[in-house]
C-alpha atoms as a PDB file:
ATOM      1  CA  UNK A   1      -0.170  -0.135   0.260  1.00  0.00           C
ATOM      2  CA  UNK A   2       3.462   2.186   0.711  1.00  0.00           C
ATOM      3  CA  UNK A   3       4.322   1.766  -3.070  1.00  0.00           C
ATOM      4  CA  UNK A   4       0.729   3.311  -4.299  1.00  0.00           C
ATOM      5  CA  UNK A   5       1.022   6.292  -1.595  1.00  0.00           C
ATOM      6  CA  UNK A   6       4.200   6.972  -2.844  1.00  0.00           C
ATOM      7  CA  UNK A   7       3.552   6.529  -6.301  1.00  0.00           C
ATOM      8  CA  UNK A   8       0.004   8.688  -5.991  1.00  0.00           C
ATOM      9  CA  UNK A   9       1.879  11.381  -4.376  1.00  0.00           C
ATOM     10  CA  UNK A  10       4.715  11.756  -6.380  1.00  0.00           C
ATOM     11  CA  UNK A  11       2.671  12.138  -9.210  1.00  0.00           C
ATOM     12  CA  UNK A  12       0.166  14.354  -8.469  1.00  0.00           C
ATOM     13  CA  UNK A  13       3.324  16.849  -7.066  1.00  0.00           C
ATOM     14  CA  UNK A  14       4.729  16.585 -10.826  1.00  0.00           C
ATOM     15  CA  UNK A  15       1.258  17.400 -12.097  1.00  0.00           C
ATOM     16  CA  UNK A  16       1.225  20.574 -10.288  1.00  0.00           C
ATOM     17  CA  UNK A  17       5.043  21.537 -11.415  1.00  0.00           C
ATOM     18  CA  UNK A  18       3.627  20.937 -14.680  1.00  0.00           C
ATOM     19  CA  UNK A  19       0.985  23.194 -14.900  1.00  0.00           C
ATOM     20  CA  UNK A  20       2.667  26.143 -13.311  1.00  0.00           C
ATOM     21  CA  UNK A  21       5.206  25.714 -15.596  1.00  0.00           C
ATOM     22  CA  UNK A  22       2.240  25.578 -18.618  1.00  0.00           C
ATOM     23  CA  UNK A  23       0.877  28.261 -17.089  1.00  0.00           C
ATOM     24  CA  UNK A  24       4.964  30.464 -17.156  1.00  0.00           C
ATOM     25  CA  UNK A  25       4.685  29.546 -20.608  1.00  0.00           C
ATOM     26  CA  UNK A  26       2.559  30.606 -24.002  1.00  0.00           C
ATOM     27  CA  UNK A  27       0.015  28.228 -23.348  1.00  0.00           C
ATOM     28  CA  UNK A  28      -4.105  28.826 -23.477  1.00  0.00           C
ATOM     29  CA  UNK A  29      -6.099  29.064 -20.117  1.00  0.00           C
ATOM     30  CA  UNK A  30      -8.408  26.761 -22.035  1.00  0.00           C
ATOM     31  CA  UNK A  31      -5.720  23.799 -22.425  1.00  0.00           C
ATOM     32  CA  UNK A  32      -3.993  24.255 -18.968  1.00  0.00           C
ATOM     33  CA  UNK A  33      -7.645  23.333 -17.605  1.00  0.00           C
ATOM     34  CA  UNK A  34      -7.972  20.360 -19.789  1.00  0.00           C
ATOM     35  CA  UNK A  35      -3.906  19.641 -19.112  1.00  0.00           C
ATOM     36  CA  UNK A  36      -5.272  19.452 -15.586  1.00  0.00           C
ATOM     37  CA  UNK A  37      -8.697  17.635 -15.577  1.00  0.00           C
ATOM     38  CA  UNK A  38      -6.429  15.027 -17.665  1.00  0.00           C
ATOM     39  CA  UNK A  39      -4.002  14.174 -15.220  1.00  0.00           C
ATOM     40  CA  UNK A  40      -6.309  14.036 -12.339  1.00  0.00           C
ATOM     41  CA  UNK A  41      -8.375  11.124 -13.525  1.00  0.00           C
ATOM     42  CA  UNK A  42      -4.672   9.890 -13.935  1.00  0.00           C
ATOM     43  CA  UNK A  43      -3.816  10.016 -10.757  1.00  0.00           C
ATOM     44  CA  UNK A  44      -7.404   8.483 -10.004  1.00  0.00           C
ATOM     45  CA  UNK A  45      -7.100   5.941 -12.621  1.00  0.00           C
ATOM     46  CA  UNK A  46      -3.456   4.683 -11.107  1.00  0.00           C
ATOM     47  CA  UNK A  47      -4.379   5.022  -7.695  1.00  0.00           C
ATOM     48  CA  UNK A  48      -7.594   2.485  -9.305  1.00  0.00           C
ATOM     49  CA  UNK A  49      -4.961  -0.223 -10.999  1.00  0.00           C
ATOM     50  CA  UNK A  50      -2.870  -0.162  -8.333  1.00  0.00           C
ATOM     51  CA  UNK A  51      -5.947  -1.159  -5.633  1.00  0.00           C
ATOM     52  CA  UNK A  52      -7.006  -3.858  -8.154  1.00  0.00           C
ATOM     53  CA  UNK A  53      -3.360  -5.087  -8.146  1.00  0.00           C
ATOM     54  CA  UNK A  54      -3.534  -5.550  -4.518  1.00  0.00           C
ATOM     55  CA  UNK A  55      -6.933  -6.988  -4.881  1.00  0.00           C
ATOM     56  CA  UNK A  56      -5.643 -10.026  -7.221  1.00  0.00           C
ATOM     57  CA  UNK A  57      -3.084 -11.276  -4.711  1.00  0.00           C
ATOM     58  CA  UNK A  58      -5.681 -13.194  -2.874  1.00  0.00           C
ATOM     59  CA  UNK A  59      -8.036 -13.401  -5.814  1.00  0.00           C
ATOM     60  CA  UNK A  60      -7.222 -14.485  -9.022  1.00  0.00           C
ATOM     61  CA  UNK A  61      -8.357 -12.460 -11.841  1.00  0.00           C
ATOM     62  CA  UNK A  62      -9.671 -13.306 -15.602  1.00  0.00           C
ATOM     63  CA  UNK A  63      -7.131 -12.301 -18.302  1.00  0.00           C
ATOM     64  CA  UNK A  64      -9.645  -9.484 -19.071  1.00  0.00           C
ATOM     65  CA  UNK A  65      -9.311  -7.841 -15.641  1.00  0.00           C
ATOM     66  CA  UNK A  66      -5.637  -8.376 -15.213  1.00  0.00           C
ATOM     67  CA  UNK A  67      -5.166  -6.394 -18.808  1.00  0.00           C
ATOM     68  CA  UNK A  68      -7.448  -3.687 -17.374  1.00  0.00           C
ATOM     69  CA  UNK A  69      -5.130  -3.625 -14.062  1.00  0.00           C
ATOM     70  CA  UNK A  70      -2.422  -3.590 -16.179  1.00  0.00           C
ATOM     71  CA  UNK A  71      -4.196  -0.354 -18.312  1.00  0.00           C
ATOM     72  CA  UNK A  72      -4.893   1.273 -15.055  1.00  0.00           C
ATOM     73  CA  UNK A  73      -1.809   0.711 -13.631  1.00  0.00           C
ATOM     74  CA  UNK A  74       1.018   1.703 -16.551  1.00  0.00           C
ATOM     75  CA  UNK A  75      -0.951   1.527 -19.494  1.00  0.00           C
ATOM     76  CA  UNK A  76      -2.765   5.532 -18.308  1.00  0.00           C
ATOM     77  CA  UNK A  77       0.484   7.242 -17.062  1.00  0.00           C
ATOM     78  CA  UNK A  78       2.393   6.568 -20.700  1.00  0.00           C
ATOM     79  CA  UNK A  79      -1.623   7.208 -22.688  1.00  0.00           C
ATOM     80  CA  UNK A  80      -1.808  10.496 -20.854  1.00  0.00           C
ATOM     81  CA  UNK A  81       1.774  11.984 -21.048  1.00  0.00           C
ATOM     82  CA  UNK A  82       0.892  11.066 -24.944  1.00  0.00           C
ATOM     83  CA  UNK A  83      -2.495  13.001 -24.780  1.00  0.00           C
ATOM     84  CA  UNK A  84      -0.808  15.962 -22.742  1.00  0.00           C
ATOM     85  CA  UNK A  85       1.846  16.071 -25.831  1.00  0.00           C
ATOM     86  CA  UNK A  86      -1.220  16.045 -27.928  1.00  0.00           C
ATOM     87  CA  UNK A  87      -2.898  19.041 -26.375  1.00  0.00           C
ATOM     88  CA  UNK A  88      -0.063  21.158 -25.237  1.00  0.00           C
ATOM     89  CA  UNK A  89       0.642  21.082 -29.418  1.00  0.00           C
ATOM     90  CA  UNK A  90      -2.242  22.782 -30.004  1.00  0.00           C
ATOM     91  CA  UNK A  91      -4.028  19.436 -31.781  1.00  0.00           C
ATOM     92  CA  UNK A  92      -6.886  18.121 -29.832  1.00  0.00           C
ATOM     93  CA  UNK A  93      -7.870  16.411 -32.797  1.00  0.00           C
ATOM     94  CA  UNK A  94      -5.319  14.036 -32.358  1.00  0.00           C
ATOM     95  CA  UNK A  95      -5.904  13.578 -28.073  1.00  0.00           C
ATOM     96  CA  UNK A  96      -7.693  10.269 -28.403  1.00  0.00           C
ATOM     97  CA  UNK A  97      -5.360   8.728 -31.359  1.00  0.00           C
ATOM     98  CA  UNK A  98      -1.946  10.204 -29.068  1.00  0.00           C
ATOM     99  CA  UNK A  99      -3.537   8.826 -25.384  1.00  0.00           C
ATOM    100  CA  UNK A 100      -4.393   5.330 -27.075  1.00  0.00           C
ATOM    101  CA  UNK A 101      -0.748   5.037 -28.489  1.00  0.00           C
ATOM    102  CA  UNK A 102       0.584   6.026 -25.218  1.00  0.00           C
ATOM    103  CA  UNK A 103      -1.382   3.085 -23.446  1.00  0.00           C
ATOM    104  CA  UNK A 104      -0.486   0.313 -26.114  1.00  0.00           C
ATOM    105  CA  UNK A 105       3.242   0.234 -25.292  1.00  0.00           C
ATOM    106  CA  UNK A 106       2.402   0.645 -21.391  1.00  0.00           C
ATOM    107  CA  UNK A 107       0.362  -2.157 -21.063  1.00  0.00           C
ATOM    108  CA  UNK A 108       3.404  -4.581 -23.532  1.00  0.00           C
ATOM    109  CA  UNK A 109       5.847  -2.751 -21.709  1.00  0.00           C
ATOM    110  CA  UNK A 110       3.940  -4.190 -18.399  1.00  0.00           C
ATOM    111  CA  UNK A 111       3.295  -7.791 -20.375  1.00  0.00           C
ATOM    112  CA  UNK A 112       6.222  -7.900 -20.854  1.00  0.00           C
ATOM    113  CA  UNK A 113       8.482  -6.914 -17.800  1.00  0.00           C
ATOM    114  CA  UNK A 114       6.046  -9.707 -16.219  1.00  0.00           C
ATOM    115  CA  UNK A 115       7.501 -12.685 -19.077  1.00  0.00           C
ATOM    116  CA  UNK A 116      10.888 -10.780 -17.639  1.00  0.00           C
ATOM    117  CA  UNK A 117      10.166 -10.931 -13.850  1.00  0.00           C
ATOM    118  CA  UNK A 118       9.621 -15.055 -14.648  1.00  0.00           C
ATOM    119  CA  UNK A 119      12.196 -15.994 -17.602  1.00  0.00           C
ATOM    120  CA  UNK A 120      14.968 -13.015 -17.639  1.00  0.00           C
ATOM    121  CA  UNK A 121      18.100 -12.903 -16.304  1.00  0.00           C
ATOM    122  CA  UNK A 122      17.999 -11.564 -12.937  1.00  0.00           C
ATOM    123  CA  UNK A 123      21.291 -10.151 -12.981  1.00  0.00           C
ATOM    124  CA  UNK A 124      20.387  -8.134 -16.035  1.00  0.00           C
ATOM    125  CA  UNK A 125      17.135  -6.776 -15.334  1.00  0.00           C
ATOM    126  CA  UNK A 126      17.537  -6.441 -11.789  1.00  0.00           C
ATOM    127  CA  UNK A 127      15.189  -8.252 -10.167  1.00  0.00           C
ATOM    128  CA  UNK A 128      14.272 -11.675  -9.063  1.00  0.00           C
ATOM    129  CA  UNK A 129      10.998 -13.818  -9.924  1.00  0.00           C
ATOM    130  CA  UNK A 130       9.332 -11.541  -6.123  1.00  0.00           C
ATOM    131  CA  UNK A 131       5.551 -12.397  -8.131  1.00  0.00           C
ATOM    132  CA  UNK A 132       5.935 -15.546  -7.767  1.00  0.00           C
ATOM    133  CA  UNK A 133       7.943 -15.919  -4.447  1.00  0.00           C
ATOM    134  CA  UNK A 134       4.828 -13.994  -3.418  1.00  0.00           C
ATOM    135  CA  UNK A 135       1.808 -15.563  -4.745  1.00  0.00           C
ATOM    136  CA  UNK A 136       0.504 -12.773  -7.308  1.00  0.00           C
ATOM    137  CA  UNK A 137      -1.328 -13.586  -9.964  1.00  0.00           C
ATOM    138  CA  UNK A 138       0.473 -12.252 -12.783  1.00  0.00           C
ATOM    139  CA  UNK A 139       0.472 -12.524 -16.653  1.00  0.00           C
ATOM    140  CA  UNK A 140       2.529 -15.633 -16.945  1.00  0.00           C
ATOM    141  CA  UNK A 141       0.422 -17.822 -13.984  1.00  0.00           C
ATOM    142  CA  UNK A 142      -2.505 -16.794 -15.052  1.00  0.00           C
ATOM    143  CA  UNK A 143      -1.455 -17.654 -18.418  1.00  0.00           C
ATOM    144  CA  UNK A 144      -0.651 -21.187 -17.002  1.00  0.00           C
ATOM    145  CA  UNK A 145      -3.975 -21.170 -15.065  1.00  0.00           C
ATOM    146  CA  UNK A 146      -5.486 -21.053 -18.813  1.00  0.00           C
ATOM    147  CA  UNK A 147      -3.252 -23.019 -20.674  1.00  0.00           C
ATOM    148  CA  UNK A 148      -5.106 -25.431 -23.284  1.00  0.00           C
ATOM    149  CA  UNK A 149      -3.047 -29.115 -24.026  1.00  0.00           C
ATOM    150  CA  UNK A 150       0.566 -30.284 -23.115  1.00  0.00           C
ATOM    151  CA  UNK A 151       1.817 -28.356 -26.903  1.00  0.00           C
ATOM    152  CA  UNK A 152       0.781 -24.875 -25.378  1.00  0.00           C
ATOM    153  CA  UNK A 153       3.981 -22.552 -24.494  1.00  0.00           C
ATOM    154  CA  UNK A 154       3.174 -20.353 -22.261  1.00  0.00           C
ATOM    155  CA  UNK A 155       6.304 -17.696 -22.941  1.00  0.00           C
ATOM    156  CA  UNK A 156       5.306 -17.870 -26.879  1.00  0.00           C
ATOM    157  CA  UNK A 157       1.661 -17.587 -26.004  1.00  0.00           C
ATOM    158  CA  UNK A 158       2.414 -14.168 -23.338  1.00  0.00           C
ATOM    159  CA  UNK A 159       5.315 -12.770 -26.554  1.00  0.00           C
ATOM    160  CA  UNK A 160       2.177 -12.663 -28.828  1.00  0.00           C
ATOM    161  CA  UNK A 161       0.319 -10.980 -26.932  1.00  0.00           C
ATOM    162  CA  UNK A 162       3.058  -8.228 -26.095  1.00  0.00           C
ATOM    163  CA  UNK A 163       3.254  -8.083 -30.192  1.00  0.00           C
ATOM    164  CA  UNK A 164      -0.460  -7.645 -30.377  1.00  0.00           C
ATOM    165  CA  UNK A 165       0.058  -4.605 -28.231  1.00  0.00           C
ATOM    166  CA  UNK A 166       2.941  -3.284 -29.969  1.00  0.00           C
ATOM    167  CA  UNK A 167       1.120  -3.241 -33.453  1.00  0.00           C
ATOM    168  CA  UNK A 168      -2.271  -2.315 -32.069  1.00  0.00           C
ATOM    169  CA  UNK A 169       0.264   1.301 -30.350  1.00  0.00           C
ATOM    170  CA  UNK A 170       2.288   1.286 -34.421  1.00  0.00           C
ATOM    171  CA  UNK A 171      -1.713   1.496 -35.733  1.00  0.00           C
ATOM    172  CA  UNK A 172      -2.127   4.741 -33.386  1.00  0.00           C
ATOM    173  CA  UNK A 173       1.242   6.273 -34.171  1.00  0.00           C
ATOM    174  CA  UNK A 174       0.601   6.425 -37.971  1.00  0.00           C
ATOM    175  CA  UNK A 175      -3.234   7.772 -36.950  1.00  0.00           C
ATOM    176  CA  UNK A 176      -1.366  10.839 -35.014  1.00  0.00           C
ATOM    177  CA  UNK A 177       0.776  11.634 -38.670  1.00  0.00           C
ATOM    178  CA  UNK A 178       3.536  12.950 -36.928  1.00  0.00           C
ATOM    179  CA  UNK A 179       6.413  14.591 -38.705  1.00  0.00           C
ATOM    180  CA  UNK A 180       8.944  11.883 -39.959  1.00  0.00           C
ATOM    181  CA  UNK A 181      11.897  12.113 -37.499  1.00  0.00           C
ATOM    182  CA  UNK A 182       9.522  12.283 -34.674  1.00  0.00           C
ATOM    183  CA  UNK A 183       7.546   9.085 -36.173  1.00  0.00           C
ATOM    184  CA  UNK A 184      10.813   7.309 -36.372  1.00  0.00           C
ATOM    185  CA  UNK A 185      11.985   8.180 -32.799  1.00  0.00           C
ATOM    186  CA  UNK A 186       8.773   6.564 -31.257  1.00  0.00           C
ATOM    187  CA  UNK A 187       8.775   3.517 -34.065  1.00  0.00           C
ATOM    188  CA  UNK A 188      12.189   2.869 -31.732  1.00  0.00           C
ATOM    189  CA  UNK A 189      10.998   3.127 -28.333  1.00  0.00           C
ATOM    190  CA  UNK A 190       7.703   1.438 -28.993  1.00  0.00           C
ATOM    191  CA  UNK A 191       9.563  -1.172 -30.273  1.00  0.00           C
ATOM    192  CA  UNK A 192      12.520  -1.400 -27.908  1.00  0.00           C
ATOM    193  CA  UNK A 193      10.102  -1.829 -24.880  1.00  0.00           C
ATOM    194  CA  UNK A 194       8.861  -4.632 -26.614  1.00  0.00           C
ATOM    195  CA  UNK A 195      12.405  -6.773 -27.417  1.00  0.00           C
ATOM    196  CA  UNK A 196      13.531  -5.247 -23.916  1.00  0.00           C
ATOM    197  CA  UNK A 197      16.595  -8.153 -23.815  1.00  0.00           C
ATOM    198  CA  UNK A 198      15.892 -10.365 -21.146  1.00  0.00           C
END
């Protein structure tokens, strides 16, 4: 619970600093209010996600419930950053695509992190399989519970899911219509999240 409180406080402080910074720049008051509302909603979503994460330590979620928890814990943070950029850039018509783009690699990152938490090299990752020791319902355990047939491969299933979220992100990236150099930069970052080494 302390981790959730600390994360919420840190994000709230950073959100306030960002809003103060915008006020000192040439950003329309309406845009600042839109960003303020967006950041407040993001803090609430992050708290909801952390609450679900704690709840799912004792109760097994469905895959759909787990993915929603991951979206709230990780996806909304990146989604809010991208949506804020669209608002501040004066392209509110791109905010939905920007948010969707940000959320997709955020979820993919967490799915890959769950994978690496079991099959990754602890020395390279700087962490061990704490979720397994704690009995937490992470993606590998859910995938094993859903496994059908002796030839199913949990790592392959997780890789496929990460790839799906990455493809979704790249589709949303194309909708935003960034200049080619920025598009290439975001493309590289998104693919890097998917291909983090084990």
